[in-house]
PDB file of all heavy atoms in Angstrom:
ATOM      1  N   LEU A   1      16.540   5.078 -10.106  1.00  0.00           N
ATOM      2  CA  LEU A   1      15.784   6.359 -10.522  1.00  0.00           C
ATOM      3  C   LEU A   1      15.069   5.970 -11.764  1.00  0.00           C
ATOM      4  O   LEU A   1      13.854   6.436 -11.966  1.00  0.00           O
ATOM      5  CB  LEU A   1      16.933   7.422 -10.727  1.00  0.00           C
ATOM      6  CG  LEU A   1      16.219   8.698 -11.220  1.00  0.00           C
ATOM      7  CD1 LEU A   1      15.360   9.373 -10.198  1.00  0.00           C
ATOM      8  CD2 LEU A   1      17.449   9.590 -11.602  1.00  0.00           C
ATOM      9  N   GLY A   2      15.585   5.244 -12.671  1.00  0.00           N
ATOM     10  CA  GLY A   2      14.888   4.920 -13.919  1.00  0.00           C
ATOM     11  C   GLY A   2      13.684   4.190 -13.806  1.00  0.00           C
ATOM     12  O   GLY A   2      12.686   4.310 -14.330  1.00  0.00           O
ATOM     13  N   ARG A   3      13.805   3.230 -12.838  1.00  0.00           N
ATOM     14  CA  ARG A   3      12.604   2.373 -12.574  1.00  0.00           C
ATOM     15  C   ARG A   3      11.513   3.140 -11.889  1.00  0.00           C
ATOM     16  O   ARG A   3      10.342   3.008 -12.194  1.00  0.00           O
ATOM     17  CB  ARG A   3      12.826   1.143 -11.479  1.00  0.00           C
ATOM     18  CG  ARG A   3      13.669   0.056 -12.336  1.00  0.00           C
ATOM     19  CD  ARG A   3      13.752  -1.164 -11.420  1.00  0.00           C
ATOM     20  NE  ARG A   3      14.453  -0.996 -10.242  1.00  0.00           N
ATOM     21  CZ  ARG A   3      15.788  -1.140  -9.965  1.00  0.00           C
ATOM     22  NH1 ARG A   3      16.506  -1.593 -11.005  1.00  0.00           N
ATOM     23  NH2 ARG A   3      16.389  -0.920  -8.768  1.00  0.00           N
ATOM     24  N   GLY A   4      11.835   4.099 -11.122  1.00  0.00           N
ATOM     25  CA  GLY A   4      10.866   5.024 -10.418  1.00  0.00           C
ATOM     26  C   GLY A   4      10.189   5.821 -11.345  1.00  0.00           C
ATOM     27  O   GLY A   4       8.854   5.973 -11.257  1.00  0.00           O
ATOM     28  N   PHE A   5      10.943   6.449 -12.392  1.00  0.00           N
ATOM     29  CA  PHE A   5      10.355   7.222 -13.398  1.00  0.00           C
ATOM     30  C   PHE A   5       9.257   6.325 -14.144  1.00  0.00           C
ATOM     31  O   PHE A   5       8.187   6.897 -14.515  1.00  0.00           O
ATOM     32  CB  PHE A   5      11.269   7.802 -14.332  1.00  0.00           C
ATOM     33  CG  PHE A   5      11.952   9.140 -13.770  1.00  0.00           C
ATOM     34  CD1 PHE A   5      13.291   9.371 -14.080  1.00  0.00           C
ATOM     35  CD2 PHE A   5      11.100  10.027 -13.275  1.00  0.00           C
ATOM     36  CE1 PHE A   5      13.766  10.580 -13.587  1.00  0.00           C
ATOM     37  CE2 PHE A   5      11.615  11.244 -12.783  1.00  0.00           C
ATOM     38  CZ  PHE A   5      13.015  11.472 -12.983  1.00  0.00           C
ATOM     39  N   ARG A   6       9.747   5.131 -14.672  1.00  0.00           N
ATOM     40  CA  ARG A   6       8.858   4.346 -15.415  1.00  0.00           C
ATOM     41  C   ARG A   6       7.595   3.939 -14.640  1.00  0.00           C
ATOM     42  O   ARG A   6       6.621   3.774 -15.184  1.00  0.00           O
ATOM     43  CB  ARG A   6       9.683   3.185 -15.904  1.00  0.00           C
ATOM     44  CG  ARG A   6      10.828   3.465 -16.872  1.00  0.00           C
ATOM     45  CD  ARG A   6      11.270   2.330 -17.747  1.00  0.00           C
ATOM     46  NE  ARG A   6      11.821   1.219 -16.808  1.00  0.00           N
ATOM     47  CZ  ARG A   6      13.117   1.247 -16.428  1.00  0.00           C
ATOM     48  NH1 ARG A   6      13.972   2.218 -16.621  1.00  0.00           N
ATOM     49  NH2 ARG A   6      13.422   0.214 -15.682  1.00  0.00           N
ATOM     50  N   PHE A   7       7.762   3.662 -13.354  1.00  0.00           N
ATOM     51  CA  PHE A   7       6.616   3.374 -12.481  1.00  0.00           C
ATOM     52  C   PHE A   7       5.576   4.479 -12.415  1.00  0.00           C
ATOM     53  O   PHE A   7       4.415   4.331 -12.442  1.00  0.00           O
ATOM     54  CB  PHE A   7       7.102   2.994 -11.069  1.00  0.00           C
ATOM     55  CG  PHE A   7       5.979   2.592 -10.242  1.00  0.00           C
ATOM     56  CD1 PHE A   7       5.342   1.385 -10.268  1.00  0.00           C
ATOM     57  CD2 PHE A   7       5.570   3.566  -9.215  1.00  0.00           C
ATOM     58  CE1 PHE A   7       4.178   1.104  -9.334  1.00  0.00           C
ATOM     59  CE2 PHE A   7       4.505   3.329  -8.372  1.00  0.00           C
ATOM     60  CZ  PHE A   7       3.927   2.067  -8.446  1.00  0.00           C
ATOM     61  N   LEU A   8       6.198   5.713 -12.224  1.00  0.00           N
ATOM     62  CA  LEU A   8       5.344   6.903 -12.221  1.00  0.00           C
ATOM     63  C   LEU A   8       4.675   7.350 -13.325  1.00  0.00           C
ATOM     64  O   LEU A   8       3.428   7.826 -13.350  1.00  0.00           O
ATOM     65  CB  LEU A   8       6.242   8.108 -11.684  1.00  0.00           C
ATOM     66  CG  LEU A   8       6.638   8.043 -10.201  1.00  0.00           C
ATOM     67  CD1 LEU A   8       7.531   9.225  -9.914  1.00  0.00           C
ATOM     68  CD2 LEU A   8       5.553   8.067  -9.168  1.00  0.00           C
ATOM     69  N   PHE A   9       5.393   7.245 -14.500  1.00  0.00           N
ATOM     70  CA  PHE A   9       4.812   7.735 -15.813  1.00  0.00           C
ATOM     71  C   PHE A   9       4.378   6.708 -16.807  1.00  0.00           C
ATOM     72  O   PHE A   9       3.834   7.038 -17.931  1.00  0.00           O
ATOM     73  CB  PHE A   9       5.844   8.760 -16.369  1.00  0.00           C
ATOM     74  CG  PHE A   9       6.181   9.832 -15.475  1.00  0.00           C
ATOM     75  CD1 PHE A   9       7.473  10.211 -15.247  1.00  0.00           C
ATOM     76  CD2 PHE A   9       5.211  10.635 -14.710  1.00  0.00           C
ATOM     77  CE1 PHE A   9       7.873  11.150 -14.314  1.00  0.00           C
ATOM     78  CE2 PHE A   9       5.591  11.484 -13.929  1.00  0.00           C
ATOM     79  CZ  PHE A   9       6.953  11.784 -13.560  1.00  0.00           C
ATOM     80  N   GLY A  10       4.907   5.421 -16.594  1.00  0.00           N
ATOM     81  CA  GLY A  10       4.759   4.462 -17.672  1.00  0.00           C
ATOM     82  C   GLY A  10       3.174   4.122 -17.897  1.00  0.00           C
ATOM     83  O   GLY A  10       2.708   3.814 -18.904  1.00  0.00           O
ATOM     84  N   TRP A  11       2.366   4.285 -16.975  1.00  0.00           N
ATOM     85  CA  TRP A  11       0.963   4.032 -17.149  1.00  0.00           C
ATOM     86  C   TRP A  11       0.035   5.026 -18.009  1.00  0.00           C
ATOM     87  O   TRP A  11      -0.981   4.885 -18.483  1.00  0.00           O
ATOM     88  CB  TRP A  11       0.195   3.969 -15.836  1.00  0.00           C
ATOM     89  CG  TRP A  11       0.277   5.307 -14.999  1.00  0.00           C
ATOM     90  CD1 TRP A  11       1.327   5.727 -14.180  1.00  0.00           C
ATOM     91  CD2 TRP A  11      -0.633   6.339 -15.136  1.00  0.00           C
ATOM     92  NE1 TRP A  11       1.145   7.012 -13.777  1.00  0.00           N
ATOM     93  CE2 TRP A  11      -0.109   7.364 -14.190  1.00  0.00           C
ATOM     94  CE3 TRP A  11      -1.862   6.478 -15.769  1.00  0.00           C
ATOM     95  CZ2 TRP A  11      -0.845   8.570 -13.938  1.00  0.00           C
ATOM     96  CZ3 TRP A  11      -2.471   7.781 -15.510  1.00  0.00           C
ATOM     97  CH2 TRP A  11      -2.035   8.758 -14.564  1.00  0.00           C
ATOM     98  N   MET A  12       0.763   6.253 -18.174  1.00  0.00           N
ATOM     99  CA  MET A  12       0.120   7.242 -18.842  1.00  0.00           C
ATOM    100  C   MET A  12      -0.030   6.944 -20.429  1.00  0.00           C
ATOM    101  O   MET A  12       0.997   6.672 -20.997  1.00  0.00           O
ATOM    102  CB  MET A  12       0.773   8.582 -18.659  1.00  0.00           C
ATOM    103  CG  MET A  12       0.813   9.168 -17.223  1.00  0.00           C
ATOM    104  SD  MET A  12       1.572  10.667 -16.955  1.00  0.00           S
ATOM    105  CE  MET A  12       0.715  11.832 -18.013  1.00  0.00           C
ATOM    106  N   PRO A  13      -1.117   7.063 -21.055  1.00  0.00           N
ATOM    107  CA  PRO A  13      -1.139   6.701 -22.426  1.00  0.00           C
ATOM    108  C   PRO A  13      -0.385   7.630 -23.373  1.00  0.00           C
ATOM    109  O   PRO A  13       0.191   7.382 -24.374  1.00  0.00           O
ATOM    110  CB  PRO A  13      -2.739   6.860 -22.781  1.00  0.00           C
ATOM    111  CG  PRO A  13      -3.246   7.764 -21.712  1.00  0.00           C
ATOM    112  CD  PRO A  13      -2.410   7.397 -20.413  1.00  0.00           C
ATOM    113  N   LEU A  14      -0.271   8.977 -22.950  1.00  0.00           N
ATOM    114  CA  LEU A  14       0.465  10.018 -23.631  1.00  0.00           C
ATOM    115  C   LEU A  14       1.821  10.218 -23.026  1.00  0.00           C
ATOM    116  O   LEU A  14       1.972   9.945 -21.757  1.00  0.00           O
ATOM    117  CB  LEU A  14      -0.306  11.382 -23.703  1.00  0.00           C
ATOM    118  CG  LEU A  14      -1.550  11.392 -24.574  1.00  0.00           C
ATOM    119  CD1 LEU A  14      -2.115  12.773 -24.532  1.00  0.00           C
ATOM    120  CD2 LEU A  14      -1.280  11.039 -25.990  1.00  0.00           C
ATOM    121  N   SER A  15       2.683  10.730 -23.782  1.00  0.00           N
ATOM    122  CA  SER A  15       4.047  10.996 -23.240  1.00  0.00           C
ATOM    123  C   SER A  15       4.083  12.232 -22.499  1.00  0.00           C
ATOM    124  O   SER A  15       3.802  13.338 -23.053  1.00  0.00           O
ATOM    125  CB  SER A  15       5.059  11.118 -24.447  1.00  0.00           C
ATOM    126  OG  SER A  15       6.330  11.682 -23.939  1.00  0.00           O
ATOM    127  N   LEU A  16       4.406  12.230 -21.122  1.00  0.00           N
ATOM    128  CA  LEU A  16       4.372  13.485 -20.352  1.00  0.00           C
ATOM    129  C   LEU A  16       5.604  14.205 -20.834  1.00  0.00           C
ATOM    130  O   LEU A  16       5.496  15.343 -20.799  1.00  0.00           O
ATOM    131  CB  LEU A  16       4.533  13.025 -18.870  1.00  0.00           C
ATOM    132  CG  LEU A  16       4.785  14.244 -17.935  1.00  0.00           C
ATOM    133  CD1 LEU A  16       3.571  15.118 -17.955  1.00  0.00           C
ATOM    134  CD2 LEU A  16       5.127  13.641 -16.462  1.00  0.00           C
ATOM    135  N   GLY A  17       6.641  13.596 -21.217  1.00  0.00           N
ATOM    136  CA  GLY A  17       7.857  14.305 -21.706  1.00  0.00           C
ATOM    137  C   GLY A  17       7.623  15.190 -23.000  1.00  0.00           C
ATOM    138  O   GLY A  17       8.020  16.305 -23.047  1.00  0.00           O
ATOM    139  N   ASP A  18       6.760  14.546 -23.894  1.00  0.00           N
ATOM    140  CA  ASP A  18       6.408  15.346 -25.100  1.00  0.00           C
ATOM    141  C   ASP A  18       5.575  16.618 -24.673  1.00  0.00           C
ATOM    142  O   ASP A  18       5.714  17.738 -25.249  1.00  0.00           O
ATOM    143  CB  ASP A  18       5.603  14.526 -25.978  1.00  0.00           C
ATOM    144  CG  ASP A  18       6.406  13.676 -26.998  1.00  0.00           C
ATOM    145  OD1 ASP A  18       7.733  13.591 -26.797  1.00  0.00           O
ATOM    146  OD2 ASP A  18       5.959  12.745 -27.571  1.00  0.00           O
ATOM    147  N   ILE A  19       4.640  16.485 -23.739  1.00  0.00           N
ATOM    148  CA  ILE A  19       3.807  17.510 -23.301  1.00  0.00           C
ATOM    149  C   ILE A  19       4.639  18.587 -22.675  1.00  0.00           C
ATOM    150  O   ILE A  19       4.525  19.784 -22.906  1.00  0.00           O
ATOM    151  CB  ILE A  19       2.744  17.020 -22.287  1.00  0.00           C
ATOM    152  CG1 ILE A  19       1.703  16.096 -23.012  1.00  0.00           C
ATOM    153  CG2 ILE A  19       1.937  18.244 -21.747  1.00  0.00           C
ATOM    154  CD1 ILE A  19       0.770  15.383 -22.135  1.00  0.00           C
ATOM    155  N   LEU A  20       5.656  18.213 -21.928  1.00  0.00           N
ATOM    156  CA  LEU A  20       6.420  19.217 -21.070  1.00  0.00           C
ATOM    157  C   LEU A  20       7.408  20.005 -22.265  1.00  0.00           C
ATOM    158  O   LEU A  20       7.598  20.992 -22.085  1.00  0.00           O
ATOM    159  CB  LEU A  20       7.426  18.499 -20.161  1.00  0.00           C
ATOM    160  CG  LEU A  20       6.787  17.830 -18.963  1.00  0.00           C
ATOM    161  CD1 LEU A  20       7.679  17.097 -17.958  1.00  0.00           C
ATOM    162  CD2 LEU A  20       6.129  18.973 -18.102  1.00  0.00           C
ATOM    163  N   TYR A  21       7.850  19.158 -23.295  1.00  0.00           N
ATOM    164  CA  TYR A  21       8.604  19.871 -24.390  1.00  0.00           C
ATOM    165  C   TYR A  21       7.668  20.920 -25.048  1.00  0.00           C
ATOM    166  O   TYR A  21       8.277  21.989 -25.319  1.00  0.00           O
ATOM    167  CB  TYR A  21       9.225  18.815 -25.272  1.00  0.00           C
ATOM    168  CG  TYR A  21      10.431  18.092 -24.773  1.00  0.00           C
ATOM    169  CD1 TYR A  21      10.646  16.786 -25.261  1.00  0.00           C
ATOM    170  CD2 TYR A  21      11.353  18.585 -23.952  1.00  0.00           C
ATOM    171  CE1 TYR A  21      11.752  16.121 -24.922  1.00  0.00           C
ATOM    172  CE2 TYR A  21      12.464  17.988 -23.569  1.00  0.00           C
ATOM    173  CZ  TYR A  21      12.740  16.682 -24.042  1.00  0.00           C
ATOM    174  OH  TYR A  21      13.731  15.926 -23.668  1.00  0.00           O
ATOM    175  N   ALA A  22       6.547  20.501 -25.355  1.00  0.00           N
ATOM    176  CA  ALA A  22       5.583  21.463 -26.142  1.00  0.00           C
ATOM    177  C   ALA A  22       5.283  22.636 -25.161  1.00  0.00           C
ATOM    178  O   ALA A  22       5.470  23.834 -25.750  1.00  0.00           O
ATOM    179  CB  ALA A  22       4.211  20.657 -26.322  1.00  0.00           C
ATOM    180  N   VAL A  23       5.137  22.500 -23.932  1.00  0.00           N
ATOM    181  CA  VAL A  23       4.884  23.672 -22.995  1.00  0.00           C
ATOM    182  C   VAL A  23       6.083  24.390 -22.880  1.00  0.00           C
ATOM    183  O   VAL A  23       6.038  25.649 -22.968  1.00  0.00           O
ATOM    184  CB  VAL A  23       4.527  23.134 -21.574  1.00  0.00           C
ATOM    185  CG1 VAL A  23       4.554  24.312 -20.600  1.00  0.00           C
ATOM    186  CG2 VAL A  23       3.120  22.351 -21.615  1.00  0.00           C
ATOM    187  N   ALA A  24       7.339  23.861 -22.879  1.00  0.00           N
ATOM    188  CA  ALA A  24       8.578  24.671 -22.814  1.00  0.00           C
ATOM    189  C   ALA A  24       8.794  25.433 -24.009  1.00  0.00           C
ATOM    190  O   ALA A  24       9.258  26.639 -23.964  1.00  0.00           O
ATOM    191  CB  ALA A  24       9.766  23.692 -22.634  1.00  0.00           C
ATOM    192  N   VAL A  25       8.423  24.915 -25.255  1.00  0.00           N
ATOM    193  CA  VAL A  25       8.646  25.670 -26.402  1.00  0.00           C
ATOM    194  C   VAL A  25       7.706  26.891 -26.352  1.00  0.00           C
ATOM    195  O   VAL A  25       7.978  28.108 -26.674  1.00  0.00           O
ATOM    196  CB  VAL A  25       8.332  24.879 -27.601  1.00  0.00           C
ATOM    197  CG1 VAL A  25       8.227  25.708 -28.954  1.00  0.00           C
ATOM    198  CG2 VAL A  25       9.520  23.903 -27.833  1.00  0.00           C
ATOM    199  N   LEU A  26       6.423  26.652 -25.950  1.00  0.00           N
ATOM    200  CA  LEU A  26       5.498  27.801 -26.014  1.00  0.00           C
ATOM    201  C   LEU A  26       5.808  28.860 -24.954  1.00  0.00           C
ATOM    202  O   LEU A  26       5.624  30.022 -25.070  1.00  0.00           O
ATOM    203  CB  LEU A  26       4.072  27.168 -25.580  1.00  0.00           C
ATOM    204  CG  LEU A  26       3.410  26.314 -26.659  1.00  0.00           C
ATOM    205  CD1 LEU A  26       2.206  25.678 -26.051  1.00  0.00           C
ATOM    206  CD2 LEU A  26       3.067  27.051 -27.959  1.00  0.00           C
ATOM    207  N   TRP A  27       6.427  28.369 -23.747  1.00  0.00           N
ATOM    208  CA  TRP A  27       6.778  29.335 -22.709  1.00  0.00           C
ATOM    209  C   TRP A  27       8.001  30.247 -23.285  1.00  0.00           C
ATOM    210  O   TRP A  27       8.041  31.403 -23.070  1.00  0.00           O
ATOM    211  CB  TRP A  27       7.278  28.490 -21.524  1.00  0.00           C
ATOM    212  CG  TRP A  27       7.909  29.421 -20.364  1.00  0.00           C
ATOM    213  CD1 TRP A  27       7.128  29.983 -19.588  1.00  0.00           C
ATOM    214  CD2 TRP A  27       9.189  29.660 -20.266  1.00  0.00           C
ATOM    215  NE1 TRP A  27       8.079  30.747 -18.595  1.00  0.00           N
ATOM    216  CE2 TRP A  27       9.419  30.494 -19.118  1.00  0.00           C
ATOM    217  CE3 TRP A  27      10.541  29.306 -20.833  1.00  0.00           C
ATOM    218  CZ2 TRP A  27      10.445  30.977 -18.571  1.00  0.00           C
ATOM    219  CZ3 TRP A  27      11.696  29.667 -20.321  1.00  0.00           C
ATOM    220  CH2 TRP A  27      11.628  30.569 -19.268  1.00  0.00           C
ATOM    221  N   LEU A  28       8.816  29.548 -24.099  1.00  0.00           N
ATOM    222  CA  LEU A  28      10.014  30.380 -24.513  1.00  0.00           C
ATOM    223  C   LEU A  28       9.553  31.401 -25.672  1.00  0.00           C
ATOM    224  O   LEU A  28      10.007  32.386 -25.711  1.00  0.00           O
ATOM    225  CB  LEU A  28      11.007  29.374 -25.272  1.00  0.00           C
ATOM    226  CG  LEU A  28      12.218  30.070 -25.893  1.00  0.00           C
ATOM    227  CD1 LEU A  28      13.109  30.649 -24.580  1.00  0.00           C
ATOM    228  CD2 LEU A  28      13.141  28.916 -26.521  1.00  0.00           C
ATOM    229  N   ILE A  29       8.565  30.918 -26.468  1.00  0.00           N
ATOM    230  CA  ILE A  29       7.997  31.844 -27.359  1.00  0.00           C
ATOM    231  C   ILE A  29       7.300  33.057 -26.720  1.00  0.00           C
ATOM    232  O   ILE A  29       7.479  34.242 -27.079  1.00  0.00           O
ATOM    233  CB  ILE A  29       6.926  31.166 -28.404  1.00  0.00           C
ATOM    234  CG1 ILE A  29       7.708  30.245 -29.219  1.00  0.00           C
ATOM    235  CG2 ILE A  29       6.234  32.101 -29.232  1.00  0.00           C
ATOM    236  CD1 ILE A  29       6.821  29.208 -30.018  1.00  0.00           C
ATOM    237  N   TYR A  30       6.686  32.773 -25.694  1.00  0.00           N
ATOM    238  CA  TYR A  30       5.864  33.743 -24.802  1.00  0.00           C
ATOM    239  C   TYR A  30       6.861  34.788 -24.240  1.00  0.00           C
ATOM    240  O   TYR A  30       6.745  35.999 -24.194  1.00  0.00           O
ATOM    241  CB  TYR A  30       5.028  33.163 -23.835  1.00  0.00           C
ATOM    242  CG  TYR A  30       4.477  34.136 -22.851  1.00  0.00           C
ATOM    243  CD1 TYR A  30       3.639  35.042 -23.105  1.00  0.00           C
ATOM    244  CD2 TYR A  30       5.011  34.158 -21.521  1.00  0.00           C
ATOM    245  CE1 TYR A  30       3.099  35.914 -22.062  1.00  0.00           C
ATOM    246  CE2 TYR A  30       4.651  35.141 -20.555  1.00  0.00           C
ATOM    247  CZ  TYR A  30       3.584  35.854 -20.904  1.00  0.00           C
ATOM    248  OH  TYR A  30       3.259  36.917 -19.963  1.00  0.00           O
ATOM    249  N   LYS A  31       8.027  34.200 -23.702  1.00  0.00           N
ATOM    250  CA  LYS A  31       8.965  35.040 -23.012  1.00  0.00           C
ATOM    251  C   LYS A  31       9.626  35.968 -24.026  1.00  0.00           C
ATOM    252  O   LYS A  31       9.908  37.149 -23.805  1.00  0.00           O
ATOM    253  CB  LYS A  31      10.016  34.194 -22.253  1.00  0.00           C
ATOM    254  CG  LYS A  31       9.514  33.565 -20.970  1.00  0.00           C
ATOM    255  CD  LYS A  31       9.265  34.635 -19.985  1.00  0.00           C
ATOM    256  CE  LYS A  31       8.977  34.044 -18.665  1.00  0.00           C
ATOM    257  NZ  LYS A  31       8.580  35.032 -17.639  1.00  0.00           N
ATOM    258  N   VAL A  32       9.935  35.450 -25.263  1.00  0.00           N
ATOM    259  CA  VAL A  32      10.638  36.218 -26.278  1.00  0.00           C
ATOM    260  C   VAL A  32       9.588  37.422 -26.745  1.00  0.00           C
ATOM    261  O   VAL A  32       9.998  38.537 -26.775  1.00  0.00           O
ATOM    262  CB  VAL A  32      11.051  35.423 -27.483  1.00  0.00           C
ATOM    263  CG1 VAL A  32      11.453  36.405 -28.515  1.00  0.00           C
ATOM    264  CG2 VAL A  32      12.117  34.551 -27.132  1.00  0.00           C
ATOM    265  N   TYR A  33       8.402  37.054 -26.948  1.00  0.00           N
ATOM    266  CA  TYR A  33       7.275  38.037 -27.284  1.00  0.00           C
ATOM    267  C   TYR A  33       7.205  39.053 -26.076  1.00  0.00           C
ATOM    268  O   TYR A  33       7.181  40.258 -26.373  1.00  0.00           O
ATOM    269  CB  TYR A  33       5.976  37.288 -27.387  1.00  0.00           C
ATOM    270  CG  TYR A  33       4.778  38.224 -27.488  1.00  0.00           C
ATOM    271  CD1 TYR A  33       4.604  38.990 -28.698  1.00  0.00           C
ATOM    272  CD2 TYR A  33       3.866  38.335 -26.570  1.00  0.00           C
ATOM    273  CE1 TYR A  33       3.455  39.760 -28.735  1.00  0.00           C
ATOM    274  CE2 TYR A  33       2.813  39.099 -26.598  1.00  0.00           C
ATOM    275  CZ  TYR A  33       2.580  39.926 -27.640  1.00  0.00           C
ATOM    276  OH  TYR A  33       1.470  40.769 -27.727  1.00  0.00           O
ATOM    277  N   ARG A  34       7.217  38.653 -24.874  1.00  0.00           N
ATOM    278  CA  ARG A  34       7.096  39.461 -23.768  1.00  0.00           C
ATOM    279  C   ARG A  34       8.134  40.510 -23.622  1.00  0.00           C
ATOM    280  O   ARG A  34       8.143  41.677 -23.365  1.00  0.00           O
ATOM    281  CB  ARG A  34       6.803  38.851 -22.455  1.00  0.00           C
ATOM    282  CG  ARG A  34       6.503  39.700 -21.211  1.00  0.00           C
ATOM    283  CD  ARG A  34       6.073  38.727 -20.071  1.00  0.00           C
ATOM    284  NE  ARG A  34       5.761  39.563 -18.919  1.00  0.00           N
ATOM    285  CZ  ARG A  34       6.746  39.804 -17.955  1.00  0.00           C
ATOM    286  NH1 ARG A  34       7.831  39.400 -18.082  1.00  0.00           N
ATOM    287  NH2 ARG A  34       6.335  40.485 -16.874  1.00  0.00           N
TER     288      ARG A  34
END
């Protein structure tokens, strides 16, 4: 599984995980506001 993840996302120059975390925080803020 780990090799598969690194194969899928390792080529990306930016961290997909960081982007997902940022989106999750924004989503949570939006949900609280709503």
